[in-house]
Amino acid sequence: MPETSELHLAVALDGAGWHPAAWRAPDARPGELFSAGYWADLAREAEAGALDFLTIEDSLGLQTAGRFASPDDRTDQVRGRLDAVLTAARIAPQTTRIGLVPTAVTTHTEPFHLSTSIATLDYVSEGRAGWRPRVAASPDEARHFGRREFPPLTQENVTDPAVAAHLSDLFDEAADAVEVVRRLWDSWEDDAVIRDVPAGRFVDRGKLHYIDFDGRWFAVRGPSITPRPPQGQPVVASLAHADVAYRLAARASDVVFVTPASAEHAAQIVAEVRAAENYSERPLPPLQVYADLVVFIDEAPGAATARKRRLDDLDGADFATDCAVVAGPPGELADLLLDWKQAAGLDGYRLRPGALPHDLQQITGALVPELRRRGAFRSGYAESTLRERLGLSRPANRYGAGRYQIGAA
């Protein structure tokens, strides 16, 4: 197999791991899932492997056993989460280089609050913040807020025209939410905070700007209460399974996580993503496309497969999810990563550890060294911000020419 250029590698953290029985593994830490120390340990482990960034899952409802399932009564699987943005802010001072990309839901959440939360994370992490916007489509989540009624969402009715229109609206709303957040990040120019002690001026008000966003779902005047983040624009990443989500990523994101089942499927998805970019007349740099994979890794042949099978037996079902599930030695996974990258033109991968901390330790301690031996992964961190690491320039402020100044309207 020919050598390939370096790839980007991220890790997706969720509870005890992506397998629903992972909390019952011998080396799991179920008693610590809701502690700051547990998440800090995972973040430090990911940073030890020089991974580009980590993501933290979140939602507005309890976890369920199926993609479209309503809340269930199962007590043999992990239920409950810590807030992802607050968790990222808590672990940021205990790391120095790895990017931190929490999930935050756009549906039912005001973009003004999202903008200040992620901007604050960027300050706390000194330029390592990102954000994964998530759509909340279920009626059970809507009932937490009591402002809107949503139709039921099932595997059978997801293609129904009324339900499809509802989903399309939610993704359009999410795109507008991201646009509002991005404008609020720009509502302070980089040098708006002047701290002029002799003159008694802390802020140059001429460098704060109204954003005056007026759309179908939001009417936001601005400016933000938080100065422009260190990165200017923290990285925005989307998870996408279908056209409606590809269009959201094309309109709003810097990175998109996709869920292929094979190299051929990955190539097909990349083509669909590029078509969505062309359709949206995207003003941002080209999307970076990462493939999601759930991984079980062990050095000994057959050990990872056997470990997954034991977890399957505990859960009472063969584990399957929205992306490919790979179990095997690190060398075989490295082959797959490099083969798919070359065949499909992927920029990188977001690996979902099947069980934590075991599979994260295998990623950092076995897979990463294997990729380095092949010249496919860097030896350490060279850049200080997440945007720099992903090859994204720091964007100019859209309001820097003096439009919509506070006090000028």
Protein backbone atom coordinates (compact mmCIF):
# COMPACT_ATOMS: atom_id res chain seq x y z
CA MET A 1 0.00 0.00 0.00
CA PRO A 2 1.51 3.41 -0.94
CA GLU A 3 2.29 5.92 1.79
CA THR A 4 -0.10 8.83 2.15
CA SER A 5 -0.06 12.34 3.55
CA GLU A 6 -0.78 13.02 7.19
CA LEU A 7 -4.36 12.71 8.29
CA HIS A 8 -6.34 14.49 10.98
CA LEU A 9 -7.49 12.38 13.91
CA ALA A 10 -10.11 13.27 16.52
CA VAL A 11 -11.89 11.30 19.21
CA ALA A 12 -15.57 11.38 20.19
CA LEU A 13 -16.19 10.98 23.92
CA ASP A 14 -19.52 9.83 25.29
CA GLY A 15 -20.09 8.37 28.75
CA ALA A 16 -18.38 5.01 29.23
CA GLY A 17 -17.93 4.54 25.47
CA TRP A 18 -20.14 4.03 22.44
CA HIS A 19 -21.11 0.44 23.19
CA PRO A 20 -24.21 0.52 25.44
CA ALA A 21 -22.67 -2.11 27.76
CA ALA A 22 -19.26 -0.43 27.97
CA TRP A 23 -19.93 0.71 31.53
CA ARG A 24 -19.87 -2.96 32.54
CA ALA A 25 -16.40 -3.67 31.12
CA PRO A 26 -13.79 -4.72 33.72
CA ASP A 27 -11.71 -1.54 33.35
CA ALA A 28 -14.65 0.89 33.04
CA ARG A 29 -15.17 3.67 35.60
CA PRO A 30 -18.98 3.90 35.93
CA GLY A 31 -18.80 5.49 39.37
CA GLU A 32 -16.94 8.47 37.93
CA LEU A 33 -18.97 9.29 34.80
CA PHE A 34 -20.39 12.43 36.39
CA SER A 35 -17.09 13.65 37.85
CA ALA A 36 -14.78 16.30 36.44
CA GLY A 37 -11.76 14.08 37.06
CA TYR A 38 -13.01 11.37 34.73
CA TRP A 39 -13.37 13.78 31.81
CA ALA A 40 -10.06 15.47 32.57
CA ASP A 41 -8.32 12.08 32.50
CA LEU A 42 -9.84 11.27 29.11
CA ALA A 43 -8.85 14.67 27.72
CA ARG A 44 -5.28 14.31 28.95
CA GLU A 45 -5.07 10.84 27.41
CA ALA A 46 -6.29 12.17 24.06
CA GLU A 47 -3.78 15.01 24.27
CA ALA A 48 -0.97 12.55 25.04
CA GLY A 49 -1.64 11.05 21.62
CA ALA A 50 -1.50 14.52 19.98
CA LEU A 51 -5.01 14.09 18.61
CA ASP A 52 -6.36 17.16 16.81
CA PHE A 53 -9.40 17.57 19.01
CA LEU A 54 -11.99 15.76 21.07
CA THR A 55 -15.76 16.08 20.91
CA ILE A 56 -18.20 15.68 23.79
CA GLU A 57 -21.72 14.44 23.16
CA ASP A 58 -24.84 16.17 24.50
CA SER A 59 -28.58 16.28 23.92
CA LEU A 60 -31.78 17.69 25.41
CA GLY A 61 -33.13 14.25 26.29
CA LEU A 62 -31.94 11.09 27.98
CA GLN A 63 -30.13 8.53 25.88
CA THR A 64 -32.33 5.90 24.26
CA ALA A 65 -31.77 2.47 22.73
CA GLY A 66 -32.59 3.54 19.16
CA ARG A 67 -31.96 6.45 16.84
CA PHE A 68 -35.61 7.54 16.69
CA ALA A 69 -36.72 5.94 19.95
CA SER A 70 -38.76 7.73 22.55
CA PRO A 71 -37.44 7.72 26.14
CA ASP A 72 -37.26 4.13 27.34
CA ASP A 73 -37.30 2.39 30.70
CA ARG A 74 -34.01 0.52 30.35
CA THR A 75 -31.87 0.52 33.46
CA ASP A 76 -29.03 -1.62 32.08
CA GLN A 77 -27.56 1.21 29.98
CA VAL A 78 -26.03 4.54 30.93
CA ARG A 79 -28.57 7.35 31.24
CA GLY A 80 -27.72 10.96 32.00
CA ARG A 81 -24.94 13.32 30.97
CA LEU A 82 -23.07 16.37 32.16
CA ASP A 83 -23.47 19.54 30.10
CA ALA A 84 -20.89 19.28 27.31
CA VAL A 85 -19.93 22.97 27.10
CA LEU A 86 -19.49 23.25 30.86
CA THR A 87 -17.47 20.03 30.89
CA ALA A 88 -15.20 21.37 28.15
CA ALA A 89 -14.70 24.61 30.10
CA ARG A 90 -13.85 22.60 33.22
CA ILE A 91 -11.21 20.44 31.53
CA ALA A 92 -9.73 23.21 29.35
CA PRO A 93 -7.28 24.46 32.04
CA GLN A 94 -6.09 20.88 32.57
CA THR A 95 -5.01 20.53 28.94
CA THR A 96 -2.79 22.76 26.82
CA ARG A 97 -2.96 21.79 23.14
CA ILE A 98 -5.87 19.56 22.20
CA GLY A 99 -8.98 21.14 20.66
CA LEU A 100 -12.24 20.98 22.63
CA VAL A 101 -15.46 20.66 20.61
CA PRO A 102 -18.58 20.20 22.76
CA THR A 103 -22.03 19.56 21.36
CA ALA A 104 -24.71 22.20 21.99
CA VAL A 105 -28.26 22.02 20.69
CA THR A 106 -29.53 24.84 18.47
CA THR A 107 -33.20 23.87 18.69
CA HIS A 108 -34.87 25.50 21.73
CA THR A 109 -31.60 27.33 22.61
CA GLU A 110 -31.02 31.02 21.95
CA PRO A 111 -28.02 31.68 19.69
CA PHE A 112 -27.02 34.65 21.85
CA HIS A 113 -26.38 32.28 24.76
CA LEU A 114 -24.54 29.80 22.52
CA SER A 115 -22.29 32.55 21.18
CA THR A 116 -21.17 33.68 24.63
CA SER A 117 -20.70 30.09 25.89
CA ILE A 118 -18.43 29.05 23.03
CA ALA A 119 -16.58 32.38 23.02
CA THR A 120 -15.95 31.92 26.74
CA LEU A 121 -14.65 28.39 26.09
CA ASP A 122 -12.28 29.83 23.49
CA TYR A 123 -10.91 32.24 26.08
CA VAL A 124 -10.64 29.59 28.79
CA SER A 125 -8.81 27.22 26.41
CA GLU A 126 -6.69 29.98 24.83
CA GLY A 127 -7.93 29.40 21.30
CA ARG A 128 -8.78 25.69 21.25
CA ALA A 129 -12.58 25.82 21.17
CA GLY A 130 -15.04 24.48 18.68
CA TRP A 131 -18.74 23.72 18.65
CA ARG A 132 -20.92 20.98 17.20
CA PRO A 133 -24.43 22.35 16.62
CA ARG A 134 -27.09 19.67 17.06
CA VAL A 135 -30.72 19.62 15.98
CA ALA A 136 -33.29 18.30 18.48
CA ALA A 137 -36.23 16.94 16.49
CA SER A 138 -38.13 14.81 18.97
CA PRO A 139 -41.46 15.85 20.53
CA ASP A 140 -40.24 14.65 23.94
CA GLU A 141 -37.41 17.20 23.88
CA ALA A 142 -39.78 19.94 22.71
CA ARG A 143 -42.00 19.28 25.72
CA HIS A 144 -39.15 20.26 28.04
CA PHE A 145 -39.69 23.83 26.89
CA GLY A 146 -43.40 24.00 26.10
CA ARG A 147 -43.09 26.52 23.29
CA ARG A 148 -43.56 24.28 20.25
CA GLU A 149 -45.26 21.01 19.34
CA PHE A 150 -43.25 18.59 17.18
CA PRO A 151 -44.64 15.60 15.24
CA PRO A 152 -43.55 12.08 16.22
CA LEU A 153 -40.35 10.94 14.52
CA THR A 154 -39.89 7.26 13.63
CA GLN A 155 -37.90 5.17 11.20
CA GLU A 156 -41.12 4.61 9.24
CA ASN A 157 -42.33 8.22 8.91
CA VAL A 158 -39.05 10.05 8.44
CA THR A 159 -39.69 10.27 4.67
CA ASP A 160 -43.30 11.43 5.09
CA PRO A 161 -43.58 14.85 3.36
CA ALA A 162 -44.86 16.62 6.49
CA VAL A 163 -42.13 15.15 8.68
CA ALA A 164 -39.48 15.84 6.03
CA ALA A 165 -40.63 19.46 5.87
CA HIS A 166 -40.44 19.69 9.66
CA LEU A 167 -36.87 18.34 9.63
CA SER A 168 -35.90 20.69 6.81
CA ASP A 169 -37.20 23.63 8.87
CA LEU A 170 -35.20 22.53 11.90
CA PHE A 171 -31.99 22.33 9.88
CA ASP A 172 -32.68 25.72 8.28
CA GLU A 173 -33.25 27.09 11.79
CA ALA A 174 -29.92 25.58 12.87
CA ALA A 175 -28.15 27.22 9.92
CA ASP A 176 -29.60 30.59 10.93
CA ALA A 177 -28.59 29.97 14.54
CA VAL A 178 -24.99 29.34 13.49
CA GLU A 179 -25.05 32.48 11.34
CA VAL A 180 -26.27 34.55 14.30
CA VAL A 181 -23.56 33.05 16.51
CA ARG A 182 -20.88 33.80 13.91
CA ARG A 183 -22.07 37.40 13.56
CA LEU A 184 -22.09 37.85 17.33
CA TRP A 185 -18.51 36.57 17.50
CA ASP A 186 -17.65 39.35 15.06
CA SER A 187 -19.67 42.03 16.84
CA TRP A 188 -16.55 43.15 18.69
CA GLU A 189 -13.50 44.06 16.63
CA ASP A 190 -10.27 42.45 17.76
CA ASP A 191 -8.95 45.68 19.28
CA ALA A 192 -12.24 46.89 20.79
CA VAL A 193 -10.92 46.42 24.34
CA ILE A 194 -8.33 49.20 24.76
CA ARG A 195 -7.82 49.39 28.56
CA ASP A 196 -6.71 53.02 28.39
CA VAL A 197 -6.19 53.76 32.09
CA PRO A 198 -5.09 57.43 31.74
CA ALA A 199 -8.10 58.23 29.57
CA GLY A 200 -10.45 56.10 31.64
CA ARG A 201 -11.65 54.15 28.58
CA PHE A 202 -11.85 50.37 28.79
CA VAL A 203 -13.70 49.83 25.51
CA ASP A 204 -13.69 51.69 22.19
CA ARG A 205 -17.45 51.74 21.57
CA GLY A 206 -16.89 52.58 17.93
CA LYS A 207 -15.54 49.03 17.51
CA LEU A 208 -18.65 47.31 18.84
CA HIS A 209 -21.29 46.58 16.22
CA TYR A 210 -24.95 45.78 15.86
CA ILE A 211 -25.49 42.60 13.86
CA ASP A 212 -29.17 43.39 13.10
CA PHE A 213 -30.04 39.82 12.09
CA ASP A 214 -33.69 39.52 11.09
CA GLY A 215 -34.77 36.08 9.86
CA ARG A 216 -37.61 33.60 10.05
CA TRP A 217 -36.60 32.25 13.46
CA PHE A 218 -34.41 34.92 15.04
CA ALA A 219 -34.27 38.70 15.28
CA VAL A 220 -31.05 39.59 17.07
CA ARG A 221 -29.67 43.09 17.45
CA GLY A 222 -26.37 42.50 19.24
CA PRO A 223 -23.63 43.12 20.06
CA SER A 224 -22.41 40.19 22.15
CA ILE A 225 -21.45 40.71 25.77
CA THR A 226 -18.21 38.77 25.18
CA PRO A 227 -15.30 40.23 23.16
CA ARG A 228 -14.32 38.50 19.92
CA PRO A 229 -12.88 35.03 20.69
CA PRO A 230 -9.11 34.44 20.41
CA GLN A 231 -9.61 32.43 17.19
CA GLY A 232 -11.95 35.07 15.80
CA GLN A 233 -14.31 32.27 14.83
CA PRO A 234 -14.10 29.03 16.84
CA VAL A 235 -14.34 25.92 14.67
CA VAL A 236 -17.90 24.77 13.83
CA ALA A 237 -18.36 21.05 13.15
CA SER A 238 -21.52 19.18 12.08
CA LEU A 239 -22.54 15.52 12.11
CA ALA A 240 -24.35 14.67 8.88
CA HIS A 241 -26.10 11.52 7.68
CA ALA A 242 -28.17 12.77 4.73
CA ASP A 243 -28.75 15.61 2.26
CA VAL A 244 -30.54 17.95 4.66
CA ALA A 245 -27.60 17.73 7.09
CA TYR A 246 -25.02 18.03 4.30
CA ARG A 247 -26.69 21.31 3.31
CA LEU A 248 -26.47 22.57 6.90
CA ALA A 249 -22.77 21.70 7.00
CA ALA A 250 -22.18 23.39 3.65
CA ARG A 251 -23.88 26.58 4.82
CA ALA A 252 -22.55 26.79 8.35
CA SER A 253 -19.63 24.53 9.26
CA ASP A 254 -15.87 24.22 8.93
CA VAL A 255 -15.79 20.44 9.48
CA VAL A 256 -18.37 17.75 8.78
CA PHE A 257 -18.46 14.29 10.37
CA VAL A 258 -19.96 11.69 8.04
CA THR A 259 -20.88 8.05 8.60
CA PRO A 260 -19.75 5.78 5.74
CA ALA A 261 -19.98 2.00 5.80
CA SER A 262 -17.14 1.38 3.31
CA ALA A 263 -14.53 3.15 1.21
CA GLU A 264 -16.93 3.27 -1.74
CA HIS A 265 -19.67 4.70 0.45
CA ALA A 266 -17.23 7.29 1.80
CA ALA A 267 -16.40 8.42 -1.73
CA GLN A 268 -20.11 8.72 -2.52
CA ILE A 269 -20.70 10.81 0.62
CA VAL A 270 -17.77 13.10 -0.13
CA ALA A 271 -19.24 13.73 -3.57
CA GLU A 272 -22.61 14.56 -2.00
CA VAL A 273 -20.96 16.95 0.45
CA ARG A 274 -19.14 18.73 -2.38
CA ALA A 275 -22.39 19.00 -4.33
CA ALA A 276 -24.05 20.57 -1.28
CA GLU A 277 -21.19 23.07 -1.07
CA ASN A 278 -21.66 24.04 -4.70
CA TYR A 279 -25.41 24.37 -4.25
CA SER A 280 -25.05 26.58 -1.17
CA GLU A 281 -22.49 28.90 -2.83
CA ARG A 282 -20.48 28.50 0.33
CA PRO A 283 -18.55 31.63 1.41
CA LEU A 284 -16.29 29.67 3.79
CA PRO A 285 -13.20 27.57 2.91
CA PRO A 286 -13.96 24.05 1.62
CA LEU A 287 -15.44 21.72 4.21
CA GLN A 288 -13.08 19.29 5.86
CA VAL A 289 -14.67 15.83 5.77
CA TYR A 290 -14.04 13.39 8.63
CA ALA A 291 -15.40 9.85 8.67
CA ASP A 292 -16.81 8.56 11.95
CA LEU A 293 -15.88 5.03 13.02
CA VAL A 294 -16.62 3.14 16.24
CA VAL A 295 -13.42 1.28 17.15
CA PHE A 296 -12.50 -1.66 19.35
CA ILE A 297 -8.71 -2.10 19.33
CA ASP A 298 -6.43 -4.76 20.84
CA GLU A 299 -2.96 -5.89 19.80
CA ALA A 300 -3.66 -9.63 20.00
CA PRO A 301 -5.44 -11.09 16.96
CA GLY A 302 -9.10 -11.70 17.70
CA ALA A 303 -9.02 -9.96 21.09
CA ALA A 304 -10.96 -6.86 20.03
CA THR A 305 -13.65 -8.91 18.32
CA ALA A 306 -13.97 -11.14 21.38
CA ARG A 307 -14.20 -8.14 23.69
CA LYS A 308 -16.96 -6.61 21.56
CA ARG A 309 -18.79 -9.94 21.55
CA ARG A 310 -18.69 -10.07 25.37
CA LEU A 311 -20.21 -6.58 25.52
CA ASP A 312 -22.84 -7.62 22.96
CA ASP A 313 -23.76 -10.56 25.18
CA LEU A 314 -24.12 -8.30 28.20
CA ASP A 315 -26.39 -5.95 26.25
CA GLY A 316 -28.40 -8.75 24.67
CA ALA A 317 -27.89 -7.54 21.06
CA ASP A 318 -25.23 -7.22 18.39
CA PHE A 319 -23.97 -3.65 18.57
CA ALA A 320 -24.61 -1.53 15.48
CA THR A 321 -24.86 2.22 15.10
CA ASP A 322 -25.02 4.97 12.47
CA CYS A 323 -21.45 4.39 11.27
CA ALA A 324 -19.11 1.47 10.61
CA VAL A 325 -17.93 -0.55 13.62
CA VAL A 326 -14.36 -1.82 13.37
CA ALA A 327 -12.74 -4.33 15.73
CA GLY A 328 -9.17 -5.51 15.31
CA PRO A 329 -5.45 -4.86 15.85
CA PRO A 330 -4.06 -1.32 15.38
CA GLY A 331 -2.26 -2.27 12.19
CA GLU A 332 -5.48 -3.39 10.52
CA LEU A 333 -7.25 -0.19 11.58
CA ALA A 334 -4.34 1.88 10.24
CA ASP A 335 -4.68 0.07 6.89
CA LEU A 336 -8.38 0.89 6.78
CA LEU A 337 -7.88 4.57 7.68
CA LEU A 338 -5.27 5.09 5.00
CA ASP A 339 -7.15 3.06 2.37
CA TRP A 340 -10.40 4.97 2.89
CA LYS A 341 -8.60 8.31 2.94
CA GLN A 342 -6.94 7.62 -0.37
CA ALA A 343 -10.03 6.13 -2.01
CA ALA A 344 -12.52 8.77 -0.86
CA GLY A 345 -10.48 11.94 -0.36
CA LEU A 346 -11.23 12.17 3.35
CA ASP A 347 -9.41 14.76 5.46
CA GLY A 348 -9.45 12.68 8.61
CA TYR A 349 -11.42 10.61 11.08
CA ARG A 350 -13.37 11.03 14.27
CA LEU A 351 -12.93 7.78 16.17
CA ARG A 352 -15.59 6.73 18.67
CA PRO A 353 -14.02 4.45 21.31
CA GLY A 354 -16.21 1.42 21.85
CA ALA A 355 -15.28 1.30 25.55
CA LEU A 356 -13.59 3.89 27.74
CA PRO A 357 -10.87 4.22 28.79
CA HIS A 358 -9.60 1.04 27.07
CA ASP A 359 -10.11 1.95 23.42
CA LEU A 360 -8.97 5.54 23.87
CA GLN A 361 -5.74 4.23 25.37
CA GLN A 362 -5.40 1.89 22.40
CA ILE A 363 -5.89 4.81 20.00
CA THR A 364 -3.19 6.91 21.66
CA GLY A 365 -0.82 4.11 22.65
CA ALA A 366 -1.07 1.72 19.69
CA LEU A 367 -2.86 3.23 16.67
CA VAL A 368 -1.11 6.61 16.75
CA PRO A 369 2.40 5.07 16.93
CA GLU A 370 1.47 2.76 14.03
CA LEU A 371 0.34 5.72 11.92
CA ARG A 372 3.51 7.61 12.81
CA ARG A 373 5.64 4.68 11.64
CA ARG A 374 3.90 5.04 8.28
CA GLY A 375 4.45 8.79 8.12
CA ALA A 376 0.71 9.41 8.34
CA PHE A 377 0.44 11.24 11.67
CA ARG A 378 2.47 14.00 13.25
CA SER A 379 4.82 13.45 16.19
CA GLY A 380 3.35 16.24 18.32
CA TYR A 381 1.65 19.62 18.37
CA ALA A 382 3.14 22.51 16.40
CA GLU A 383 0.19 24.93 16.38
CA SER A 384 -1.37 26.68 19.36
CA THR A 385 -4.98 27.14 18.16
CA LEU A 386 -7.43 24.64 16.78
CA ARG A 387 -7.99 26.66 13.60
CA GLU A 388 -4.26 26.66 12.91
CA ARG A 389 -4.04 22.92 13.45
CA LEU A 390 -6.80 22.33 10.92
CA GLY A 391 -5.21 24.68 8.40
CA LEU A 392 -7.90 27.34 8.78
CA SER A 393 -6.80 30.95 8.71
CA ARG A 394 -8.06 33.41 11.30
CA PRO A 395 -10.96 35.16 9.51
CA ALA A 396 -11.21 38.91 9.16
CA ASN A 397 -13.98 40.61 11.12
CA ARG A 398 -16.96 41.23 8.84
CA TYR A 399 -17.78 44.49 10.66
CA GLY A 400 -14.25 45.86 10.70
CA ALA A 401 -15.00 48.57 8.14
CA GLY A 402 -17.08 50.49 10.70
CA ARG A 403 -20.64 49.48 9.75
CA TYR A 404 -23.32 49.27 12.46
CA GLN A 405 -21.24 50.88 15.18
CA ILE A 406 -22.77 51.24 18.61
CA GLY A 407 -23.90 54.83 18.93
CA ALA A 408 -23.89 55.34 15.15
CA ALA A 409 -27.44 54.10 14.55
